[in-house]
C-alpha atoms as a PDB file:
ATOM      1  CA  MET A   1     142.881  41.327   0.289  1.00  0.00           C
ATOM      2  CA  ALA A   2     141.328  38.084   1.570  1.00  0.00           C
ATOM      3  CA  GLY A   3     142.154  39.034   5.184  1.00  0.00           C
ATOM      4  CA  ARG A   4     140.539  42.410   4.880  1.00  0.00           C
ATOM      5  CA  ASN A   5     137.435  40.902   3.257  1.00  0.00           C
ATOM      6  CA  SER A   6     137.150  38.325   6.062  1.00  0.00           C
ATOM      7  CA  GLU A   7     137.254  41.069   8.686  1.00  0.00           C
ATOM      8  CA  ALA A   8     134.410  43.124   7.178  1.00  0.00           C
ATOM      9  CA  PRO A   9     131.584  40.702   8.120  1.00  0.00           C
ATOM     10  CA  GLY A  10     132.942  40.542  11.680  1.00  0.00           C
ATOM     11  CA  ARG A  11     132.867  44.302  12.027  1.00  0.00           C
ATOM     12  CA  ARG A  12     129.343  44.412  10.647  1.00  0.00           C
ATOM     13  CA  ARG A  13     128.200  41.779  13.141  1.00  0.00           C
ATOM     14  CA  ALA A  14     129.812  43.742  15.965  1.00  0.00           C
ATOM     15  CA  LYS A  15     128.006  46.901  14.899  1.00  0.00           C
ATOM     16  CA  ARG A  16     124.693  45.033  14.725  1.00  0.00           C
ATOM     17  CA  TRP A  17     125.251  43.588  18.193  1.00  0.00           C
ATOM     18  CA  ALA A  18     126.142  47.051  19.513  1.00  0.00           C
ATOM     19  CA  ALA A  19     123.025  48.566  17.941  1.00  0.00           C
ATOM     20  CA  ALA A  20     120.862  45.759  19.344  1.00  0.00           C
ATOM     21  CA  PHE A  21     122.401  46.204  22.797  1.00  0.00           C
ATOM     22  CA  LEU A  22     121.783  49.962  22.690  1.00  0.00           C
ATOM     23  CA  LEU A  23     118.173  49.435  21.607  1.00  0.00           C
ATOM     24  CA  ALA A  24     117.613  46.885  24.364  1.00  0.00           C
ATOM     25  CA  THR A  25     119.110  49.292  26.902  1.00  0.00           C
ATOM     26  CA  LEU A  26     116.853  52.117  25.734  1.00  0.00           C
ATOM     27  CA  LEU A  27     113.751  49.891  25.815  1.00  0.00           C
ATOM     28  CA  SER A  28     114.669  48.704  29.289  1.00  0.00           C
ATOM     29  CA  ALA A  29     115.126  52.287  30.501  1.00  0.00           C
ATOM     30  CA  LEU A  30     111.789  53.247  28.944  1.00  0.00           C
ATOM     31  CA  ALA A  31     110.077  50.327  30.679  1.00  0.00           C
ATOM     32  CA  VAL A  32     111.592  51.359  34.016  1.00  0.00           C
ATOM     33  CA  TRP A  33     110.497  54.969  33.475  1.00  0.00           C
ATOM     34  CA  GLN A  34     106.949  53.887  32.569  1.00  0.00           C
ATOM     35  CA  GLY A  35     106.877  51.643  35.622  1.00  0.00           C
ATOM     36  CA  LEU A  36     107.898  54.535  37.860  1.00  0.00           C
ATOM     37  CA  GLN A  37     105.256  56.767  36.266  1.00  0.00           C
ATOM     38  CA  LEU A  38     102.563  54.142  36.830  1.00  0.00           C
ATOM     39  CA  ARG A  39     103.703  53.662  40.410  1.00  0.00           C
ATOM     40  CA  GLN A  40     103.614  57.406  41.022  1.00  0.00           C
ATOM     41  CA  GLN A  41     100.150  57.662  39.471  1.00  0.00           C
ATOM     42  CA  PHE A  42      98.939  54.722  41.570  1.00  0.00           C
ATOM     43  CA  ARG A  43     100.118  56.471  44.734  1.00  0.00           C
ATOM     44  CA  ARG A  44      98.561  59.745  43.610  1.00  0.00           C
ATOM     45  CA  ASP A  45      95.219  58.075  42.930  1.00  0.00           C
ATOM     46  CA  ALA A  46      95.309  56.306  46.298  1.00  0.00           C
ATOM     47  CA  TRP A  47      95.862  59.686  47.976  1.00  0.00           C
ATOM     48  CA  LEU A  48      92.998  61.236  45.992  1.00  0.00           C
ATOM     49  CA  ARG A  49      90.628  58.456  47.090  1.00  0.00           C
ATOM     50  CA  LEU A  50      91.604  59.066  50.709  1.00  0.00           C
ATOM     51  CA  GLU A  51      91.096  62.827  50.402  1.00  0.00           C
ATOM     52  CA  LEU A  52      87.725  62.360  48.704  1.00  0.00           C
ATOM     53  CA  ALA A  53      86.589  60.075  51.512  1.00  0.00           C
ATOM     54  CA  GLN A  54      87.565  62.693  54.100  1.00  0.00           C
ATOM     55  CA  ARG A  55      85.563  65.560  52.581  1.00  0.00           C
ATOM     56  CA  VAL A  56      82.932  67.228  54.727  1.00  0.00           C
ATOM     57  CA  GLN A  57      79.613  65.398  54.491  1.00  0.00           C
ATOM     58  CA  PRO A  58      76.119  66.895  54.914  1.00  0.00           C
ATOM     59  CA  ALA A  59      74.914  66.732  58.508  1.00  0.00           C
ATOM     60  CA  ARG A  60      72.017  64.383  59.134  1.00  0.00           C
ATOM     61  CA  THR A  61      70.215  67.251  60.838  1.00  0.00           C
ATOM     62  CA  SER A  62      70.681  69.689  57.934  1.00  0.00           C
ATOM     63  CA  ALA A  63      67.586  71.790  57.313  1.00  0.00           C
ATOM     64  CA  ARG A  64      66.066  71.768  53.844  1.00  0.00           C
ATOM     65  CA  CYS A  65      65.856  74.867  51.680  1.00  0.00           C
ATOM     66  CA  SER A  66      62.564  76.725  51.701  1.00  0.00           C
ATOM     67  CA  PRO A  67      60.416  76.143  48.586  1.00  0.00           C
ATOM     68  CA  GLU A  68      60.906  78.814  45.950  1.00  0.00           C
ATOM     69  CA  ARG A  69      58.134  81.362  45.710  1.00  0.00           C
ATOM     70  CA  ALA A  70      56.154  81.093  42.527  1.00  0.00           C
ATOM     71  CA  GLN A  71      56.603  84.795  41.794  1.00  0.00           C
ATOM     72  CA  GLY A  72      60.085  85.158  43.282  1.00  0.00           C
ATOM     73  CA  GLU A  73      63.484  85.140  41.625  1.00  0.00           C
ATOM     74  CA  PRO A  74      64.970  81.663  41.135  1.00  0.00           C
ATOM     75  CA  PRO A  75      68.223  80.959  42.984  1.00  0.00           C
ATOM     76  CA  LEU A  76      71.541  81.747  41.336  1.00  0.00           C
ATOM     77  CA  ARG A  77      72.977  78.275  40.807  1.00  0.00           C
ATOM     78  CA  LEU A  78      76.759  78.116  41.122  1.00  0.00           C
ATOM     79  CA  LEU A  79      78.858  75.010  40.525  1.00  0.00           C
ATOM     80  CA  ILE A  80      82.154  75.574  42.372  1.00  0.00           C
ATOM     81  CA  LEU A  81      85.296  73.542  41.680  1.00  0.00           C
ATOM     82  CA  GLY A  82      88.906  73.858  42.773  1.00  0.00           C
ATOM     83  CA  GLN A  83      91.549  73.144  45.383  1.00  0.00           C
ATOM     84  CA  SER A  84      92.035  74.295  48.983  1.00  0.00           C
ATOM     85  CA  ASN A  85      91.148  77.974  48.552  1.00  0.00           C
ATOM     86  CA  ALA A  86      87.853  76.813  47.020  1.00  0.00           C
ATOM     87  CA  GLY A  87      87.281  74.616  50.066  1.00  0.00           C
ATOM     88  CA  ASN A  88      87.189  74.981  53.841  1.00  0.00           C
ATOM     89  CA  HIS A  89      90.783  75.934  54.572  1.00  0.00           C
ATOM     90  CA  GLY A  90      90.296  79.396  56.070  1.00  0.00           C
ATOM     91  CA  PRO A  91      89.495  80.284  59.679  1.00  0.00           C
ATOM     92  CA  ARG A  92      85.892  79.982  60.794  1.00  0.00           C
ATOM     93  CA  PRO A  93      84.234  83.089  62.242  1.00  0.00           C
ATOM     94  CA  ALA A  94      83.105  82.610  65.820  1.00  0.00           C
ATOM     95  CA  GLY A  95      79.634  82.894  67.280  1.00  0.00           C
ATOM     96  CA  ALA A  96      77.705  85.979  66.256  1.00  0.00           C
ATOM     97  CA  GLU A  97      80.101  86.684  63.376  1.00  0.00           C
ATOM     98  CA  ALA A  98      79.106  83.486  61.591  1.00  0.00           C
ATOM     99  CA  ALA A  99      77.332  83.964  58.249  1.00  0.00           C
ATOM    100  CA  PRO A 100      73.735  82.831  57.765  1.00  0.00           C
ATOM    101  CA  PRO A 101      73.310  79.316  56.339  1.00  0.00           C
ATOM    102  CA  LEU A 102      74.047  78.846  52.661  1.00  0.00           C
ATOM    103  CA  GLN A 103      71.816  76.987  50.229  1.00  0.00           C
ATOM    104  CA  MET A 104      73.656  73.940  48.899  1.00  0.00           C
ATOM    105  CA  GLN A 105      72.674  71.240  46.444  1.00  0.00           C
ATOM    106  CA  ALA A 106      73.648  67.852  47.889  1.00  0.00           C
ATOM    107  CA  GLY A 107      72.542  65.094  45.552  1.00  0.00           C
ATOM    108  CA  GLU A 108      68.844  65.558  44.936  1.00  0.00           C
ATOM    109  CA  GLN A 109      68.328  67.646  48.072  1.00  0.00           C
ATOM    110  CA  CYS A 110      68.817  71.358  48.693  1.00  0.00           C
ATOM    111  CA  ILE A 111      70.082  71.854  52.243  1.00  0.00           C
ATOM    112  CA  LEU A 112      71.132  74.753  54.438  1.00  0.00           C
ATOM    113  CA  ALA A 113      74.758  74.533  55.510  1.00  0.00           C
ATOM    114  CA  HIS A 114      77.373  76.435  57.507  1.00  0.00           C
ATOM    115  CA  ASP A 115      81.154  76.271  57.260  1.00  0.00           C
ATOM    116  CA  PRO A 116      82.783  73.860  56.852  1.00  0.00           C
ATOM    117  CA  LEU A 117      80.716  73.265  53.722  1.00  0.00           C
ATOM    118  CA  PRO A 118      79.881  69.763  52.472  1.00  0.00           C
ATOM    119  CA  GLY A 119      81.667  68.554  49.357  1.00  0.00           C
ATOM    120  CA  ALA A 120      85.034  70.129  50.143  1.00  0.00           C
ATOM    121  CA  SER A 121      88.171  69.322  52.118  1.00  0.00           C
ATOM    122  CA  GLY A 122      89.150  71.248  55.231  1.00  0.00           C
ATOM    123  CA  ASP A 123      87.423  71.940  58.531  1.00  0.00           C
ATOM    124  CA  GLY A 124      87.476  75.733  58.554  1.00  0.00           C
ATOM    125  CA  GLY A 125      85.894  78.660  56.746  1.00  0.00           C
ATOM    126  CA  SER A 126      85.194  79.251  53.062  1.00  0.00           C
ATOM    127  CA  ILE A 127      84.780  82.040  50.552  1.00  0.00           C
ATOM    128  CA  TRP A 128      81.281  80.884  49.664  1.00  0.00           C
ATOM    129  CA  SER A 129      79.524  81.376  52.994  1.00  0.00           C
ATOM    130  CA  ARG A 130      80.444  85.053  52.659  1.00  0.00           C
ATOM    131  CA  LEU A 131      79.274  85.336  49.060  1.00  0.00           C
ATOM    132  CA  PRO A 132      75.513  86.059  49.539  1.00  0.00           C
ATOM    133  CA  ALA A 133      76.184  89.219  51.550  1.00  0.00           C
ATOM    134  CA  ARG A 134      78.885  90.382  49.153  1.00  0.00           C
ATOM    135  CA  LEU A 135      76.645  89.906  46.115  1.00  0.00           C
ATOM    136  CA  LYS A 136      74.049  92.208  47.631  1.00  0.00           C
ATOM    137  CA  GLU A 137      76.699  94.815  48.453  1.00  0.00           C
ATOM    138  CA  THR A 138      78.319  94.856  45.009  1.00  0.00           C
ATOM    139  CA  PRO A 139      77.460  98.128  43.200  1.00  0.00           C
ATOM    140  CA  ALA A 140      77.922  96.514  39.805  1.00  0.00           C
ATOM    141  CA  GLY A 141      75.702  93.678  40.975  1.00  0.00           C
ATOM    142  CA  SER A 142      72.624  95.730  41.815  1.00  0.00           C
ATOM    143  CA  GLY A 143      70.700  93.335  39.598  1.00  0.00           C
ATOM    144  CA  VAL A 144      72.110  90.250  41.350  1.00  0.00           C
ATOM    145  CA  GLN A 145      69.583  89.896  44.134  1.00  0.00           C
ATOM    146  CA  ARG A 146      69.056  86.179  43.588  1.00  0.00           C
ATOM    147  CA  SER A 147      70.174  84.062  46.505  1.00  0.00           C
ATOM    148  CA  PRO A 148      73.094  81.839  45.548  1.00  0.00           C
ATOM    149  CA  GLN A 149      72.596  78.097  45.686  1.00  0.00           C
ATOM    150  CA  ILE A 150      75.835  76.212  45.282  1.00  0.00           C
ATOM    151  CA  ALA A 151      77.131  72.757  44.464  1.00  0.00           C
ATOM    152  CA  LEU A 152      80.692  72.323  45.699  1.00  0.00           C
ATOM    153  CA  LEU A 153      83.553  69.944  44.927  1.00  0.00           C
ATOM    154  CA  ALA A 154      86.941  71.121  46.176  1.00  0.00           C
ATOM    155  CA  LEU A 155      89.994  69.143  47.224  1.00  0.00           C
ATOM    156  CA  GLN A 156      93.240  70.478  48.616  1.00  0.00           C
ATOM    157  CA  SER A 157      96.493  70.327  46.622  1.00  0.00           C
ATOM    158  CA  THR A 158      94.844  69.016  43.455  1.00  0.00           C
ATOM    159  CA  THR A 159      96.306  69.655  40.010  1.00  0.00           C
ATOM    160  CA  LEU A 160      94.435  70.126  36.764  1.00  0.00           C
ATOM    161  CA  ASP A 161      95.563  66.635  35.742  1.00  0.00           C
ATOM    162  CA  ASP A 162      93.774  65.265  38.823  1.00  0.00           C
ATOM    163  CA  TRP A 163      90.605  66.990  37.627  1.00  0.00           C
ATOM    164  CA  SER A 164      90.782  66.174  33.918  1.00  0.00           C
ATOM    165  CA  ARG A 165      92.417  62.726  33.634  1.00  0.00           C
ATOM    166  CA  PRO A 166      89.598  60.192  33.054  1.00  0.00           C
ATOM    167  CA  SER A 167      91.270  57.517  35.228  1.00  0.00           C
ATOM    168  CA  SER A 168      91.666  59.912  38.177  1.00  0.00           C
ATOM    169  CA  PRO A 169      89.388  59.282  41.189  1.00  0.00           C
ATOM    170  CA  LEU A 170      88.739  63.029  41.363  1.00  0.00           C
ATOM    171  CA  ASN A 171      87.625  63.138  37.733  1.00  0.00           C
ATOM    172  CA  GLN A 172      85.344  60.183  38.402  1.00  0.00           C
ATOM    173  CA  ALA A 173      83.917  61.956  41.465  1.00  0.00           C
ATOM    174  CA  LEU A 174      83.302  65.034  39.313  1.00  0.00           C
ATOM    175  CA  GLN A 175      81.510  62.959  36.676  1.00  0.00           C
ATOM    176  CA  GLN A 176      79.320  61.432  39.409  1.00  0.00           C
ATOM    177  CA  GLU A 177      78.551  64.891  40.785  1.00  0.00           C
ATOM    178  CA  LEU A 178      77.570  66.170  37.343  1.00  0.00           C
ATOM    179  CA  ARG A 179      75.304  63.162  36.756  1.00  0.00           C
ATOM    180  CA  SER A 180      73.652  63.657  40.146  1.00  0.00           C
ATOM    181  CA  LEU A 181      73.015  67.328  39.422  1.00  0.00           C
ATOM    182  CA  ARG A 182      71.561  66.519  36.025  1.00  0.00           C
ATOM    183  CA  ALA A 183      69.287  63.849  37.570  1.00  0.00           C
ATOM    184  CA  ALA A 184      68.046  66.505  39.992  1.00  0.00           C
ATOM    185  CA  ALA A 185      67.389  68.903  37.078  1.00  0.00           C
ATOM    186  CA  TRP A 186      69.917  71.260  38.686  1.00  0.00           C
ATOM    187  CA  THR A 187      71.594  73.264  35.937  1.00  0.00           C
ATOM    188  CA  PRO A 188      74.312  75.749  36.920  1.00  0.00           C
ATOM    189  CA  ASP A 189      74.041  79.371  35.862  1.00  0.00           C
ATOM    190  CA  LEU A 190      77.804  79.743  36.320  1.00  0.00           C
ATOM    191  CA  VAL A 191      80.789  77.521  37.049  1.00  0.00           C
ATOM    192  CA  LEU A 192      83.422  79.020  39.376  1.00  0.00           C
ATOM    193  CA  TRP A 193      86.994  77.652  39.200  1.00  0.00           C
ATOM    194  CA  GLN A 194      89.438  78.471  42.040  1.00  0.00           C
ATOM    195  CA  GLN A 195      92.602  76.472  41.297  1.00  0.00           C
ATOM    196  CA  GLY A 196      96.153  76.863  40.037  1.00  0.00           C
ATOM    197  CA  GLU A 197      98.500  76.858  43.020  1.00  0.00           C
ATOM    198  CA  ALA A 198      99.244  73.128  42.763  1.00  0.00           C
ATOM    199  CA  ASP A 199     100.141  73.411  39.078  1.00  0.00           C
ATOM    200  CA  ALA A 200     102.370  76.408  39.742  1.00  0.00           C
ATOM    201  CA  LEU A 201     104.155  74.441  42.475  1.00  0.00           C
ATOM    202  CA  SER A 202     104.522  71.312  40.330  1.00  0.00           C
ATOM    203  CA  GLY A 203     105.844  73.169  37.278  1.00  0.00           C
ATOM    204  CA  THR A 204     102.998  72.444  34.844  1.00  0.00           C
ATOM    205  CA  SER A 205     103.661  74.009  31.440  1.00  0.00           C
ATOM    206  CA  ALA A 206     101.227  76.442  29.830  1.00  0.00           C
ATOM    207  CA  GLY A 207     100.606  73.948  27.031  1.00  0.00           C
ATOM    208  CA  ASP A 208      99.764  71.119  29.439  1.00  0.00           C
ATOM    209  CA  TYR A 209      97.449  73.386  31.444  1.00  0.00           C
ATOM    210  CA  ILE A 210      95.637  74.472  28.286  1.00  0.00           C
ATOM    211  CA  ARG A 211      95.295  70.877  27.093  1.00  0.00           C
ATOM    212  CA  GLY A 212      94.035  69.801  30.505  1.00  0.00           C
ATOM    213  CA  TRP A 213      91.352  72.476  30.621  1.00  0.00           C
ATOM    214  CA  THR A 214      90.319  71.796  27.023  1.00  0.00           C
ATOM    215  CA  ARG A 215      89.791  68.149  28.016  1.00  0.00           C
ATOM    216  CA  LEU A 216      87.908  69.143  31.188  1.00  0.00           C
ATOM    217  CA  LEU A 217      85.704  71.593  29.283  1.00  0.00           C
ATOM    218  CA  ALA A 218      84.711  68.855  26.833  1.00  0.00           C
ATOM    219  CA  GLN A 219      83.736  66.660  29.780  1.00  0.00           C
ATOM    220  CA  LEU A 220      81.599  69.420  31.303  1.00  0.00           C
ATOM    221  CA  GLN A 221      79.894  70.014  27.983  1.00  0.00           C
ATOM    222  CA  ALA A 222      79.239  66.288  27.544  1.00  0.00           C
ATOM    223  CA  GLU A 223      77.302  66.378  30.841  1.00  0.00           C
ATOM    224  CA  GLY A 224      75.207  69.300  29.634  1.00  0.00           C
ATOM    225  CA  VAL A 225      77.077  72.169  31.330  1.00  0.00           C
ATOM    226  CA  GLN A 226      76.838  75.110  28.941  1.00  0.00           C
ATOM    227  CA  ALA A 227      77.108  77.908  31.520  1.00  0.00           C
ATOM    228  CA  PRO A 228      80.026  80.361  31.486  1.00  0.00           C
ATOM    229  CA  VAL A 229      83.040  79.102  33.429  1.00  0.00           C
ATOM    230  CA  LEU A 230      84.841  81.810  35.401  1.00  0.00           C
ATOM    231  CA  LEU A 231      88.536  81.036  35.890  1.00  0.00           C
ATOM    232  CA  ALA A 232      90.128  82.737  38.872  1.00  0.00           C
ATOM    233  CA  ARG A 233      93.747  83.724  38.606  1.00  0.00           C
ATOM    234  CA  SER A 234      94.667  81.700  41.683  1.00  0.00           C
ATOM    235  CA  THR A 235      98.341  80.749  41.740  1.00  0.00           C
ATOM    236  CA  HIS A 236      99.853  82.485  44.796  1.00  0.00           C
ATOM    237  CA  CYS A 237     101.374  80.183  47.415  1.00  0.00           C
ATOM    238  CA  GLN A 238     104.578  81.404  49.057  1.00  0.00           C
ATOM    239  CA  ARG A 239     104.993  80.006  52.537  1.00  0.00           C
ATOM    240  CA  ASP A 240     108.500  81.275  53.359  1.00  0.00           C
ATOM    241  CA  ALA A 241     109.512  84.760  52.247  1.00  0.00           C
ATOM    242  CA  ALA A 242     113.126  83.985  53.216  1.00  0.00           C
ATOM    243  CA  GLN A 243     113.462  81.490  50.347  1.00  0.00           C
ATOM    244  CA  GLY A 244     114.341  84.141  47.775  1.00  0.00           C
ATOM    245  CA  ASP A 245     115.506  81.972  44.865  1.00  0.00           C
ATOM    246  CA  THR A 246     112.748  79.410  45.378  1.00  0.00           C
ATOM    247  CA  ASN A 247     110.102  82.098  45.483  1.00  0.00           C
ATOM    248  CA  GLN A 248     111.487  83.765  42.349  1.00  0.00           C
ATOM    249  CA  ARG A 249     111.183  80.493  40.456  1.00  0.00           C
ATOM    250  CA  PHE A 250     107.674  79.995  41.791  1.00  0.00           C
ATOM    251  CA  VAL A 251     106.621  83.509  40.736  1.00  0.00           C
ATOM    252  CA  ALA A 252     107.825  82.734  37.209  1.00  0.00           C
ATOM    253  CA  GLN A 253     105.918  79.459  37.166  1.00  0.00           C
ATOM    254  CA  ALA A 254     102.806  81.143  38.562  1.00  0.00           C
ATOM    255  CA  GLY A 255     103.049  83.549  35.644  1.00  0.00           C
ATOM    256  CA  THR A 256     103.038  80.558  33.294  1.00  0.00           C
ATOM    257  CA  ILE A 257      99.713  79.338  34.723  1.00  0.00           C
ATOM    258  CA  ARG A 258      98.255  82.843  34.605  1.00  0.00           C
ATOM    259  CA  GLU A 259      99.285  83.118  30.949  1.00  0.00           C
ATOM    260  CA  ALA A 260      97.635  79.767  30.240  1.00  0.00           C
ATOM    261  CA  ILE A 261      94.384  80.960  31.830  1.00  0.00           C
ATOM    262  CA  GLN A 262      94.467  84.113  29.721  1.00  0.00           C
ATOM    263  CA  ARG A 263      95.000  82.062  26.544  1.00  0.00           C
ATOM    264  CA  LEU A 264      92.202  79.661  27.473  1.00  0.00           C
ATOM    265  CA  THR A 265      89.700  82.509  27.677  1.00  0.00           C
ATOM    266  CA  GLN A 266      90.784  83.617  24.205  1.00  0.00           C
ATOM    267  CA  GLN A 267      90.427  80.131  22.724  1.00  0.00           C
ATOM    268  CA  HIS A 268      87.087  79.085  24.274  1.00  0.00           C
ATOM    269  CA  SER A 269      84.136  81.467  24.525  1.00  0.00           C
ATOM    270  CA  GLN A 270      82.637  79.493  27.423  1.00  0.00           C
ATOM    271  CA  LEU A 271      85.727  80.174  29.534  1.00  0.00           C
ATOM    272  CA  ARG A 272      85.866  83.672  31.045  1.00  0.00           C
ATOM    273  CA  LEU A 273      88.321  85.517  33.251  1.00  0.00           C
ATOM    274  CA  GLY A 274      87.172  85.426  36.851  1.00  0.00           C
ATOM    275  CA  PRO A 275      88.641  87.389  39.764  1.00  0.00           C
ATOM    276  CA  ASP A 276      92.362  87.893  40.231  1.00  0.00           C
ATOM    277  CA  THR A 277      92.742  86.545  43.752  1.00  0.00           C
ATOM    278  CA  ASP A 278      96.521  86.670  43.318  1.00  0.00           C
ATOM    279  CA  THR A 279      96.179  90.350  44.225  1.00  0.00           C
ATOM    280  CA  LEU A 280      95.341  89.293  47.799  1.00  0.00           C
ATOM    281  CA  VAL A 281      98.890  88.834  49.066  1.00  0.00           C
ATOM    282  CA  ALA A 282      99.089  91.034  52.185  1.00  0.00           C
ATOM    283  CA  SER A 283     100.094  89.267  55.393  1.00  0.00           C
ATOM    284  CA  THR A 284      96.646  90.108  56.769  1.00  0.00           C
ATOM    285  CA  GLN A 285      94.994  88.312  53.828  1.00  0.00           C
ATOM    286  CA  ARG A 286      97.000  85.059  53.847  1.00  0.00           C
ATOM    287  CA  ARG A 287      97.364  83.165  57.089  1.00  0.00           C
ATOM    288  CA  ASP A 288     100.308  81.046  55.896  1.00  0.00           C
ATOM    289  CA  GLY A 289     101.372  82.624  52.611  1.00  0.00           C
ATOM    290  CA  CYS A 290      98.987  80.384  50.705  1.00  0.00           C
ATOM    291  CA  HIS A 291      95.557  79.997  52.348  1.00  0.00           C
ATOM    292  CA  PHE A 292      93.274  82.950  52.981  1.00  0.00           C
ATOM    293  CA  SER A 293      92.854  84.509  56.411  1.00  0.00           C
ATOM    294  CA  GLY A 294      89.456  85.791  57.536  1.00  0.00           C
ATOM    295  CA  GLN A 295      90.171  89.114  55.825  1.00  0.00           C
ATOM    296  CA  GLY A 296      91.349  87.247  52.759  1.00  0.00           C
ATOM    297  CA  LEU A 297      88.143  85.210  52.579  1.00  0.00           C
ATOM    298  CA  ASP A 298      86.088  88.414  52.800  1.00  0.00           C
ATOM    299  CA  ALA A 299      88.181  90.074  50.081  1.00  0.00           C
ATOM    300  CA  ALA A 300      88.016  86.994  47.830  1.00  0.00           C
ATOM    301  CA  ALA A 301      84.229  86.842  48.253  1.00  0.00           C
ATOM    302  CA  LEU A 302      84.009  90.487  47.184  1.00  0.00           C
ATOM    303  CA  LEU A 303      86.180  89.853  44.104  1.00  0.00           C
ATOM    304  CA  TRP A 304      84.041  86.859  43.171  1.00  0.00           C
ATOM    305  CA  SER A 305      80.831  88.843  43.634  1.00  0.00           C
ATOM    306  CA  GLU A 306      82.141  91.529  41.281  1.00  0.00           C
ATOM    307  CA  ALA A 307      83.116  88.942  38.660  1.00  0.00           C
ATOM    308  CA  ILE A 308      79.729  87.227  38.931  1.00  0.00           C
ATOM    309  CA  ALA A 309      77.866  90.519  38.703  1.00  0.00           C
ATOM    310  CA  ALA A 310      79.859  91.597  35.650  1.00  0.00           C
ATOM    311  CA  THR A 311      79.183  88.267  33.922  1.00  0.00           C
ATOM    312  CA  LEU A 312      75.447  88.436  34.585  1.00  0.00           C
ATOM    313  CA  GLN A 313      75.075  92.033  33.437  1.00  0.00           C
ATOM    314  CA  PRO A 314      73.029  92.183  30.224  1.00  0.00           C
ATOM    315  CA  ALA A 315      75.040  93.002  27.135  1.00  0.00           C
ATOM    316  CA  ARG A 316      74.902  96.662  26.175  1.00  0.00           C
ATOM    317  CA  PRO A 317      73.600  97.443  22.674  1.00  0.00           C
END
């Protein structure tokens, strides 16, 4: 009896030591994981700062916008945000095919700009230089004769977390842009969002995408943006059709982001469904399976013009 009683405390001490060792191991693993996450975020933020610094800047010789006529229609002010397909990553039309200059708000100045447009990554063509002509051609947009005037912030390969995380350099650049626009008394009539491919590629869950946009919407509202936000269904990015299994998984993940966008528009009245640019998948519309070709840019501009026109149509009694 005495021997058995003397062994019990030893077993209890061994169990306590084992539990303490397990806890220490778990805490150590957690610390390593957190360290890796911080390191990855540090590298991501360093890349974002580099990409932001390499965006197209306004030319010193940029012409200023003409003063608005006292009796004329005010410009249609569009704040445009997103990743590469919102930027200058399409081909530029040559010579006589080039679109007329686009009115752009750059800080406190309204300038006239051609592709590649200031404020975005890439050195090619954009959807937005084609938008003025498409708006005038849109049957549903017969009442949209106002000339668009845009403010643009677009960066290739950016995720929603890059846009919505307060410590992200991109989020800080967005906050600075919003403050500059407010200081210039430039209030958007609409916000256009062309993004989603990076989150589909990285495997973002629907819940995380919804939480990210809810956070971003609160930030926009805090800076006085009350305009409708049109969310494009923009998730298509398949560079190699031969990668069957990989593409199947990507299609499923793209569907997750599309579902999240649909749910967001049901949860927040300020968020609206924009164009479905995922319908533009023909080889003539995508130059590399992801970025728009010239035909793709034209088609995307038409889809955006229809979405804008539908949003601006007066409500029917």
